[in-house]
Amino acid sequence: MDIEDNFTPPPAEITLKIHELNGYSNARSNEYYAIVEQLDMLYKDIDAGLLGELAKTGSWYNHIKGVKDANPKPDNPEALEAELQQLILDNS
């Protein structure tokens, strides 16, 4: 018997709550450039003298900020985690 034969997916409300809690992190991971590209961007910014406050005008900073702004972290992760745990208890 395969594991898939015994697998029952969680209720949709649990899946949605997990996405609400962690979806931003997955989306950010998918949108960030590869670390090699990020290091190259950072090197070029530093080489161009973009240090201190000027660093916020660099390509690396603007890439990271754009990804974070497009995929904000929830304002209330503790509350979402508590809601998720309650949903799991209610469905067990």
PDB file of N, CA and C in Angstrom:
ATOM      1  N   MET A   1       0.845  -1.180   0.000  1.00  0.00           N
ATOM      2  CA  MET A   1       0.000   0.000   0.000  1.00  0.00           C
ATOM      3  C   MET A   1       0.890   1.243   0.000  1.00  0.00           C
ATOM      4  N   ASP A   2       0.625   2.158  -0.900  1.00  0.00           N
ATOM      5  CA  ASP A   2       1.388   3.388  -1.002  1.00  0.00           C
ATOM      6  C   ASP A   2       0.920   4.397   0.034  1.00  0.00           C
ATOM      7  N   ILE A   3       1.815   5.299   0.367  1.00  0.00           N
ATOM      8  CA  ILE A   3       1.468   6.373   1.297  1.00  0.00           C
ATOM      9  C   ILE A   3       0.318   7.193   0.737  1.00  0.00           C
ATOM     10  N   GLU A   4       0.327   7.405  -0.593  1.00  0.00           N
ATOM     11  CA  GLU A   4      -0.738   8.196  -1.208  1.00  0.00           C
ATOM     12  C   GLU A   4      -2.113   7.593  -0.970  1.00  0.00           C
ATOM     13  N   ASP A   5      -2.174   6.262  -0.817  1.00  0.00           N
ATOM     14  CA  ASP A   5      -3.458   5.603  -0.590  1.00  0.00           C
ATOM     15  C   ASP A   5      -4.073   6.008   0.750  1.00  0.00           C
ATOM     16  N   ASN A   6      -3.239   6.380   1.707  1.00  0.00           N
ATOM     17  CA  ASN A   6      -3.720   6.745   3.035  1.00  0.00           C
ATOM     18  C   ASN A   6      -3.741   8.251   3.272  1.00  0.00           C
ATOM     19  N   PHE A   7      -3.360   9.027   2.270  1.00  0.00           N
ATOM     20  CA  PHE A   7      -3.260  10.473   2.445  1.00  0.00           C
ATOM     21  C   PHE A   7      -4.613  11.133   2.238  1.00  0.00           C
ATOM     22  N   THR A   8      -5.002  11.910   3.218  1.00  0.00           N
ATOM     23  CA  THR A   8      -6.200  12.730   3.105  1.00  0.00           C
ATOM     24  C   THR A   8      -5.749  14.181   3.203  1.00  0.00           C
ATOM     25  N   PRO A   9      -5.993  14.972   2.177  1.00  0.00           N
ATOM     26  CA  PRO A   9      -5.555  16.370   2.244  1.00  0.00           C
ATOM     27  C   PRO A   9      -6.279  17.104   3.360  1.00  0.00           C
ATOM     28  N   PRO A  10      -5.641  18.111   3.926  1.00  0.00           N
ATOM     29  CA  PRO A  10      -6.297  18.878   4.983  1.00  0.00           C
ATOM     30  C   PRO A  10      -7.491  19.651   4.422  1.00  0.00           C
ATOM     31  N   PRO A  11      -8.416  20.013   5.281  1.00  0.00           N
ATOM     32  CA  PRO A  11      -9.548  20.827   4.821  1.00  0.00           C
ATOM     33  C   PRO A  11      -9.057  22.137   4.199  1.00  0.00           C
ATOM     34  N   ALA A  12      -9.837  22.647   3.276  1.00  0.00           N
ATOM     35  CA  ALA A  12      -9.465  23.870   2.559  1.00  0.00           C
ATOM     36  C   ALA A  12      -9.206  25.035   3.505  1.00  0.00           C
ATOM     37  N   GLU A  13      -9.965  25.128   4.588  1.00  0.00           N
ATOM     38  CA  GLU A  13      -9.768  26.260   5.509  1.00  0.00           C
ATOM     39  C   GLU A  13      -8.382  26.218   6.155  1.00  0.00           C
ATOM     40  N   ILE A  14      -7.849  25.026   6.393  1.00  0.00           N
ATOM     41  CA  ILE A  14      -6.504  24.904   6.953  1.00  0.00           C
ATOM     42  C   ILE A  14      -5.470  25.280   5.895  1.00  0.00           C
ATOM     43  N   THR A  15      -5.653  24.802   4.689  1.00  0.00           N
ATOM     44  CA  THR A  15      -4.731  25.136   3.600  1.00  0.00           C
ATOM     45  C   THR A  15      -4.704  26.642   3.359  1.00  0.00           C
ATOM     46  N   LEU A  16      -5.854  27.275   3.368  1.00  0.00           N
ATOM     47  CA  LEU A  16      -5.926  28.722   3.165  1.00  0.00           C
ATOM     48  C   LEU A  16      -5.249  29.480   4.302  1.00  0.00           C
ATOM     49  N   LYS A  17      -5.416  28.999   5.533  1.00  0.00           N
ATOM     50  CA  LYS A  17      -4.798  29.664   6.677  1.00  0.00           C
ATOM     51  C   LYS A  17      -3.280  29.529   6.618  1.00  0.00           C
ATOM     52  N   ILE A  18      -2.790  28.360   6.201  1.00  0.00           N
ATOM     53  CA  ILE A  18      -1.348  28.171   6.047  1.00  0.00           C
ATOM     54  C   ILE A  18      -0.814  29.135   4.986  1.00  0.00           C
ATOM     55  N   HIS A  19      -1.550  29.271   3.887  1.00  0.00           N
ATOM     56  CA  HIS A  19      -1.123  30.208   2.838  1.00  0.00           C
ATOM     57  C   HIS A  19      -1.150  31.648   3.360  1.00  0.00           C
ATOM     58  N   GLU A  20      -2.157  31.991   4.124  1.00  0.00           N
ATOM     59  CA  GLU A  20      -2.252  33.338   4.679  1.00  0.00           C
ATOM     60  C   GLU A  20      -1.060  33.617   5.605  1.00  0.00           C
ATOM     61  N   LEU A  21      -0.652  32.605   6.339  1.00  0.00           N
ATOM     62  CA  LEU A  21       0.449  32.745   7.294  1.00  0.00           C
ATOM     63  C   LEU A  21       1.811  32.730   6.607  1.00  0.00           C
ATOM     64  N   ASN A  22       2.004  31.846   5.627  1.00  0.00           N
ATOM     65  CA  ASN A  22       3.333  31.639   5.040  1.00  0.00           C
ATOM     66  C   ASN A  22       3.447  31.988   3.559  1.00  0.00           C
ATOM     67  N   GLY A  23       2.355  32.354   2.930  1.00  0.00           N
ATOM     68  CA  GLY A  23       2.380  32.594   1.491  1.00  0.00           C
ATOM     69  C   GLY A  23       3.362  33.665   1.067  1.00  0.00           C
ATOM     70  N   TYR A  24       3.487  34.722   1.888  1.00  0.00           N
ATOM     71  CA  TYR A  24       4.407  35.804   1.539  1.00  0.00           C
ATOM     72  C   TYR A  24       5.838  35.286   1.421  1.00  0.00           C
ATOM     73  N   SER A  25       6.219  34.380   2.320  1.00  0.00           N
ATOM     74  CA  SER A  25       7.580  33.846   2.334  1.00  0.00           C
ATOM     75  C   SER A  25       7.864  33.029   1.076  1.00  0.00           C
ATOM     76  N   ASN A  26       6.905  32.199   0.690  1.00  0.00           N
ATOM     77  CA  ASN A  26       7.068  31.406  -0.534  1.00  0.00           C
ATOM     78  C   ASN A  26       7.140  32.308  -1.760  1.00  0.00           C
ATOM     79  N   ALA A  27       6.287  33.316  -1.803  1.00  0.00           N
ATOM     80  CA  ALA A  27       6.280  34.229  -2.944  1.00  0.00           C
ATOM     81  C   ALA A  27       7.603  34.988  -3.033  1.00  0.00           C
ATOM     82  N   ARG A  28       8.109  35.459  -1.889  1.00  0.00           N
ATOM     83  CA  ARG A  28       9.388  36.164  -1.884  1.00  0.00           C
ATOM     84  C   ARG A  28      10.498  35.256  -2.402  1.00  0.00           C
ATOM     85  N   SER A  29      10.531  34.028  -1.907  1.00  0.00           N
ATOM     86  CA  SER A  29      11.574  33.088  -2.337  1.00  0.00           C
ATOM     87  C   SER A  29      11.562  32.891  -3.840  1.00  0.00           C
ATOM     88  N   ASN A  30      10.369  32.856  -4.420  1.00  0.00           N
ATOM     89  CA  ASN A  30      10.250  32.666  -5.866  1.00  0.00           C
ATOM     90  C   ASN A  30      10.660  33.901  -6.660  1.00  0.00           C
ATOM     91  N   GLU A  31      10.572  35.070  -6.049  1.00  0.00           N
ATOM     92  CA  GLU A  31      10.846  36.306  -6.778  1.00  0.00           C
ATOM     93  C   GLU A  31      12.263  36.840  -6.587  1.00  0.00           C
ATOM     94  N   TYR A  32      12.928  36.453  -5.505  1.00  0.00           N
ATOM     95  CA  TYR A  32      14.299  36.923  -5.312  1.00  0.00           C
ATOM     96  C   TYR A  32      15.199  36.358  -6.403  1.00  0.00           C
ATOM     97  N   TYR A  33      16.125  37.176  -6.851  1.00  0.00           N
ATOM     98  CA  TYR A  33      17.131  36.685  -7.797  1.00  0.00           C
ATOM     99  C   TYR A  33      18.014  35.675  -7.085  1.00  0.00           C
ATOM    100  N   ALA A  34      18.687  34.842  -7.848  1.00  0.00           N
ATOM    101  CA  ALA A  34      19.627  33.883  -7.289  1.00  0.00           C
ATOM    102  C   ALA A  34      20.701  34.635  -6.495  1.00  0.00           C
ATOM    103  N   ILE A  35      21.226  33.996  -5.464  1.00  0.00           N
ATOM    104  CA  ILE A  35      22.198  34.655  -4.586  1.00  0.00           C
ATOM    105  C   ILE A  35      23.406  35.158  -5.374  1.00  0.00           C
ATOM    106  N   VAL A  36      23.821  34.438  -6.400  1.00  0.00           N
ATOM    107  CA  VAL A  36      24.955  34.867  -7.225  1.00  0.00           C
ATOM    108  C   VAL A  36      24.642  36.211  -7.882  1.00  0.00           C
ATOM    109  N   GLU A  37      23.431  36.342  -8.397  1.00  0.00           N
ATOM    110  CA  GLU A  37      23.030  37.601  -9.024  1.00  0.00           C
ATOM    111  C   GLU A  37      22.924  38.721  -7.987  1.00  0.00           C
ATOM    112  N   GLN A  38      22.401  38.402  -6.806  1.00  0.00           N
ATOM    113  CA  GLN A  38      22.289  39.412  -5.761  1.00  0.00           C
ATOM    114  C   GLN A  38      23.662  39.908  -5.325  1.00  0.00           C
ATOM    115  N   LEU A  39      24.608  38.988  -5.176  1.00  0.00           N
ATOM    116  CA  LEU A  39      25.953  39.392  -4.776  1.00  0.00           C
ATOM    117  C   LEU A  39      26.600  40.258  -5.848  1.00  0.00           C
ATOM    118  N   ASP A  40      26.352  39.942  -7.104  1.00  0.00           N
ATOM    119  CA  ASP A  40      26.887  40.760  -8.186  1.00  0.00           C
ATOM    120  C   ASP A  40      26.281  42.158  -8.140  1.00  0.00           C
ATOM    121  N   MET A  41      24.985  42.240  -7.912  1.00  0.00           N
ATOM    122  CA  MET A  41      24.324  43.541  -7.803  1.00  0.00           C
ATOM    123  C   MET A  41      24.905  44.338  -6.636  1.00  0.00           C
ATOM    124  N   LEU A  42      25.084  43.677  -5.521  1.00  0.00           N
ATOM    125  CA  LEU A  42      25.608  44.338  -4.329  1.00  0.00           C
ATOM    126  C   LEU A  42      27.030  44.828  -4.566  1.00  0.00           C
ATOM    127  N   TYR A  43      27.852  43.980  -5.195  1.00  0.00           N
ATOM    128  CA  TYR A  43      29.223  44.384  -5.510  1.00  0.00           C
ATOM    129  C   TYR A  43      29.228  45.639  -6.384  1.00  0.00           C
ATOM    130  N   LYS A  44      28.402  45.636  -7.427  1.00  0.00           N
ATOM    131  CA  LYS A  44      28.362  46.780  -8.343  1.00  0.00           C
ATOM    132  C   LYS A  44      27.888  48.047  -7.629  1.00  0.00           C
ATOM    133  N   ASP A  45      26.925  47.906  -6.729  1.00  0.00           N
ATOM    134  CA  ASP A  45      26.458  49.062  -5.964  1.00  0.00           C
ATOM    135  C   ASP A  45      27.570  49.608  -5.067  1.00  0.00           C
ATOM    136  N   ILE A  46      28.273  48.725  -4.373  1.00  0.00           N
ATOM    137  CA  ILE A  46      29.370  49.156  -3.504  1.00  0.00           C
ATOM    138  C   ILE A  46      30.482  49.782  -4.333  1.00  0.00           C
ATOM    139  N   ASP A  47      30.812  49.161  -5.469  1.00  0.00           N
ATOM    140  CA  ASP A  47      31.859  49.676  -6.342  1.00  0.00           C
ATOM    141  C   ASP A  47      31.503  51.062  -6.866  1.00  0.00           C
ATOM    142  N   ALA A  48      30.209  51.320  -7.024  1.00  0.00           N
ATOM    143  CA  ALA A  48      29.746  52.630  -7.495  1.00  0.00           C
ATOM    144  C   ALA A  48      29.661  53.644  -6.353  1.00  0.00           C
ATOM    145  N   GLY A  49      30.042  53.221  -5.140  1.00  0.00           N
ATOM    146  CA  GLY A  49      30.041  54.134  -4.001  1.00  0.00           C
ATOM    147  C   GLY A  49      28.691  54.290  -3.326  1.00  0.00           C
ATOM    148  N   LEU A  50      27.786  53.369  -3.571  1.00  0.00           N
ATOM    149  CA  LEU A  50      26.454  53.464  -2.984  1.00  0.00           C
ATOM    150  C   LEU A  50      26.472  52.860  -1.576  1.00  0.00           C
ATOM    151  N   LEU A  51      26.945  53.657  -0.638  1.00  0.00           N
ATOM    152  CA  LEU A  51      27.053  53.240   0.759  1.00  0.00           C
ATOM    153  C   LEU A  51      26.189  54.149   1.620  1.00  0.00           C
ATOM    154  N   GLY A  52      25.929  53.756   2.854  1.00  0.00           N
ATOM    155  CA  GLY A  52      25.115  54.563   3.756  1.00  0.00           C
ATOM    156  C   GLY A  52      23.724  54.766   3.184  1.00  0.00           C
ATOM    157  N   GLU A  53      23.228  55.984   3.271  1.00  0.00           N
ATOM    158  CA  GLU A  53      21.883  56.282   2.740  1.00  0.00           C
ATOM    159  C   GLU A  53      21.814  56.090   1.234  1.00  0.00           C
ATOM    160  N   LEU A  54      22.924  56.303   0.546  1.00  0.00           N
ATOM    161  CA  LEU A  54      22.938  56.110  -0.914  1.00  0.00           C
ATOM    162  C   LEU A  54      22.692  54.656  -1.293  1.00  0.00           C
ATOM    163  N   ALA A  55      22.959  53.729  -0.385  1.00  0.00           N
ATOM    164  CA  ALA A  55      22.723  52.303  -0.676  1.00  0.00           C
ATOM    165  C   ALA A  55      21.260  52.053  -1.031  1.00  0.00           C
ATOM    166  N   LYS A  56      20.382  52.895  -0.506  1.00  0.00           N
ATOM    167  CA  LYS A  56      18.950  52.729  -0.784  1.00  0.00           C
ATOM    168  C   LYS A  56      18.577  53.131  -2.210  1.00  0.00           C
ATOM    169  N   THR A  57      19.543  53.620  -2.968  1.00  0.00           N
ATOM    170  CA  THR A  57      19.297  53.947  -4.373  1.00  0.00           C
ATOM    171  C   THR A  57      19.865  52.868  -5.295  1.00  0.00           C
ATOM    172  N   GLY A  58      20.529  51.884  -4.739  1.00  0.00           N
ATOM    173  CA  GLY A  58      21.185  50.847  -5.519  1.00  0.00           C
ATOM    174  C   GLY A  58      20.232  49.791  -6.059  1.00  0.00           C
ATOM    175  N   SER A  59      20.711  49.049  -7.025  1.00  0.00           N
ATOM    176  CA  SER A  59      19.889  48.022  -7.667  1.00  0.00           C
ATOM    177  C   SER A  59      19.550  46.883  -6.716  1.00  0.00           C
ATOM    178  N   TRP A  60      20.501  46.476  -5.876  1.00  0.00           N
ATOM    179  CA  TRP A  60      20.241  45.364  -4.956  1.00  0.00           C
ATOM    180  C   TRP A  60      19.147  45.745  -3.962  1.00  0.00           C
ATOM    181  N   TYR A  61      19.314  46.890  -3.311  1.00  0.00           N
ATOM    182  CA  TYR A  61      18.334  47.331  -2.315  1.00  0.00           C
ATOM    183  C   TYR A  61      16.953  47.462  -2.944  1.00  0.00           C
ATOM    184  N   ASN A  62      16.879  48.059  -4.116  1.00  0.00           N
ATOM    185  CA  ASN A  62      15.580  48.267  -4.764  1.00  0.00           C
ATOM    186  C   ASN A  62      14.942  46.951  -5.197  1.00  0.00           C
ATOM    187  N   HIS A  63      15.762  45.983  -5.594  1.00  0.00           N
ATOM    188  CA  HIS A  63      15.213  44.660  -5.921  1.00  0.00           C
ATOM    189  C   HIS A  63      14.602  44.017  -4.675  1.00  0.00           C
ATOM    190  N   ILE A  64      15.373  43.980  -3.593  1.00  0.00           N
ATOM    191  CA  ILE A  64      14.896  43.353  -2.352  1.00  0.00           C
ATOM    192  C   ILE A  64      13.659  44.077  -1.833  1.00  0.00           C
ATOM    193  N   LYS A  65      13.704  45.399  -1.807  1.00  0.00           N
ATOM    194  CA  LYS A  65      12.564  46.189  -1.322  1.00  0.00           C
ATOM    195  C   LYS A  65      11.327  45.952  -2.178  1.00  0.00           C
ATOM    196  N   GLY A  66      11.507  45.863  -3.492  1.00  0.00           N
ATOM    197  CA  GLY A  66      10.377  45.616  -4.383  1.00  0.00           C
ATOM    198  C   GLY A  66       9.709  44.281  -4.105  1.00  0.00           C
ATOM    199  N   VAL A  67      10.531  43.243  -3.877  1.00  0.00           N
ATOM    200  CA  VAL A  67       9.980  41.920  -3.571  1.00  0.00           C
ATOM    201  C   VAL A  67       9.247  41.953  -2.232  1.00  0.00           C
ATOM    202  N   LYS A  68       9.862  42.573  -1.232  1.00  0.00           N
ATOM    203  CA  LYS A  68       9.224  42.643   0.089  1.00  0.00           C
ATOM    204  C   LYS A  68       7.937  43.471   0.051  1.00  0.00           C
ATOM    205  N   ASP A  69       7.957  44.576  -0.674  1.00  0.00           N
ATOM    206  CA  ASP A  69       6.755  45.410  -0.778  1.00  0.00           C
ATOM    207  C   ASP A  69       5.626  44.686  -1.514  1.00  0.00           C
ATOM    208  N   ALA A  70       5.982  43.897  -2.528  1.00  0.00           N
ATOM    209  CA  ALA A  70       4.969  43.176  -3.306  1.00  0.00           C
ATOM    210  C   ALA A  70       4.406  41.980  -2.542  1.00  0.00           C
ATOM    211  N   ASN A  71       5.145  41.510  -1.538  1.00  0.00           N
ATOM    212  CA  ASN A  71       4.742  40.328  -0.767  1.00  0.00           C
ATOM    213  C   ASN A  71       4.921  40.611   0.719  1.00  0.00           C
ATOM    214  N   PRO A  72       4.068  41.473   1.277  1.00  0.00           N
ATOM    215  CA  PRO A  72       4.261  41.876   2.674  1.00  0.00           C
ATOM    216  C   PRO A  72       4.019  40.738   3.667  1.00  0.00           C
ATOM    217  N   LYS A  73       4.768  40.791   4.747  1.00  0.00           N
ATOM    218  CA  LYS A  73       4.581  39.858   5.852  1.00  0.00           C
ATOM    219  C   LYS A  73       3.266  40.231   6.545  1.00  0.00           C
ATOM    220  N   PRO A  74       2.493  39.244   6.980  1.00  0.00           N
ATOM    221  CA  PRO A  74       1.247  39.578   7.687  1.00  0.00           C
ATOM    222  C   PRO A  74       1.527  40.429   8.929  1.00  0.00           C
ATOM    223  N   ASP A  75       0.613  41.327   9.221  1.00  0.00           N
ATOM    224  CA  ASP A  75       0.760  42.188  10.391  1.00  0.00           C
ATOM    225  C   ASP A  75       0.597  41.416  11.696  1.00  0.00           C
ATOM    226  N   ASN A  76      -0.079  40.274  11.630  1.00  0.00           N
ATOM    227  CA  ASN A  76      -0.455  39.558  12.847  1.00  0.00           C
ATOM    228  C   ASN A  76      -0.101  38.067  12.778  1.00  0.00           C
ATOM    229  N   PRO A  77       1.174  37.722  12.574  1.00  0.00           N
ATOM    230  CA  PRO A  77       1.501  36.299  12.415  1.00  0.00           C
ATOM    231  C   PRO A  77       1.153  35.451  13.638  1.00  0.00           C
ATOM    232  N   GLU A  78       1.261  36.024  14.828  1.00  0.00           N
ATOM    233  CA  GLU A  78       0.931  35.259  16.036  1.00  0.00           C
ATOM    234  C   GLU A  78      -0.552  34.899  16.063  1.00  0.00           C
ATOM    235  N   ALA A  79      -1.397  35.843  15.691  1.00  0.00           N
ATOM    236  CA  ALA A  79      -2.838  35.580  15.662  1.00  0.00           C
ATOM    237  C   ALA A  79      -3.171  34.551  14.587  1.00  0.00           C
ATOM    238  N   LEU A  80      -2.528  34.664  13.423  1.00  0.00           N
ATOM    239  CA  LEU A  80      -2.767  33.690  12.361  1.00  0.00           C
ATOM    240  C   LEU A  80      -2.320  32.293  12.774  1.00  0.00           C
ATOM    241  N   GLU A  81      -1.192  32.209  13.466  1.00  0.00           N
ATOM    242  CA  GLU A  81      -0.706  30.914  13.953  1.00  0.00           C
ATOM    243  C   GLU A  81      -1.692  30.321  14.952  1.00  0.00           C
ATOM    244  N   ALA A  82      -2.227  31.143  15.852  1.00  0.00           N
ATOM    245  CA  ALA A  82      -3.216  30.666  16.824  1.00  0.00           C
ATOM    246  C   ALA A  82      -4.479  30.184  16.112  1.00  0.00           C
ATOM    247  N   GLU A  83      -4.918  30.923  15.099  1.00  0.00           N
ATOM    248  CA  GLU A  83      -6.098  30.514  14.324  1.00  0.00           C
ATOM    249  C   GLU A  83      -5.843  29.182  13.619  1.00  0.00           C
ATOM    250  N   LEU A  84      -4.641  29.021  13.054  1.00  0.00           N
ATOM    251  CA  LEU A  84      -4.291  27.776  12.386  1.00  0.00           C
ATOM    252  C   LEU A  84      -4.308  26.613  13.368  1.00  0.00           C
ATOM    253  N   GLN A  85      -3.712  26.807  14.521  1.00  0.00           N
ATOM    254  CA  GLN A  85      -3.688  25.741  15.526  1.00  0.00           C
ATOM    255  C   GLN A  85      -5.103  25.368  15.963  1.00  0.00           C
ATOM    256  N   GLN A  86      -5.985  26.367  16.089  1.00  0.00           N
ATOM    257  CA  GLN A  86      -7.372  26.077  16.463  1.00  0.00           C
ATOM    258  C   GLN A  86      -8.090  25.313  15.365  1.00  0.00           C
ATOM    259  N   LEU A  87      -7.852  25.691  14.116  1.00  0.00           N
ATOM    260  CA  LEU A  87      -8.456  24.962  13.000  1.00  0.00           C
ATOM    261  C   LEU A  87      -7.999  23.497  12.985  1.00  0.00           C
ATOM    262  N   ILE A  88      -6.724  23.288  13.259  1.00  0.00           N
ATOM    263  CA  ILE A  88      -6.195  21.922  13.288  1.00  0.00           C
ATOM    264  C   ILE A  88      -6.857  21.135  14.407  1.00  0.00           C
ATOM    265  N   LEU A  89      -6.982  21.749  15.581  1.00  0.00           N
ATOM    266  CA  LEU A  89      -7.647  21.075  16.704  1.00  0.00           C
ATOM    267  C   LEU A  89      -9.105  20.778  16.377  1.00  0.00           C
ATOM    268  N   ASP A  90      -9.785  21.731  15.781  1.00  0.00           N
ATOM    269  CA  ASP A  90     -11.200  21.551  15.452  1.00  0.00           C
ATOM    270  C   ASP A  90     -11.421  20.458  14.412  1.00  0.00           C
ATOM    271  N   ASN A  91     -10.406  20.210  13.582  1.00  0.00           N
ATOM    272  CA  ASN A  91     -10.552  19.222  12.498  1.00  0.00           C
ATOM    273  C   ASN A  91      -9.876  17.894  12.809  1.00  0.00           C
ATOM    274  N   SER A  92      -9.421  17.726  14.036  1.00  0.00           N
ATOM    275  CA  SER A  92      -8.753  16.462  14.351  1.00  0.00           C
ATOM    276  C   SER A  92      -9.686  15.493  15.060  1.00  0.00           C
TER     277      SER A  92
END
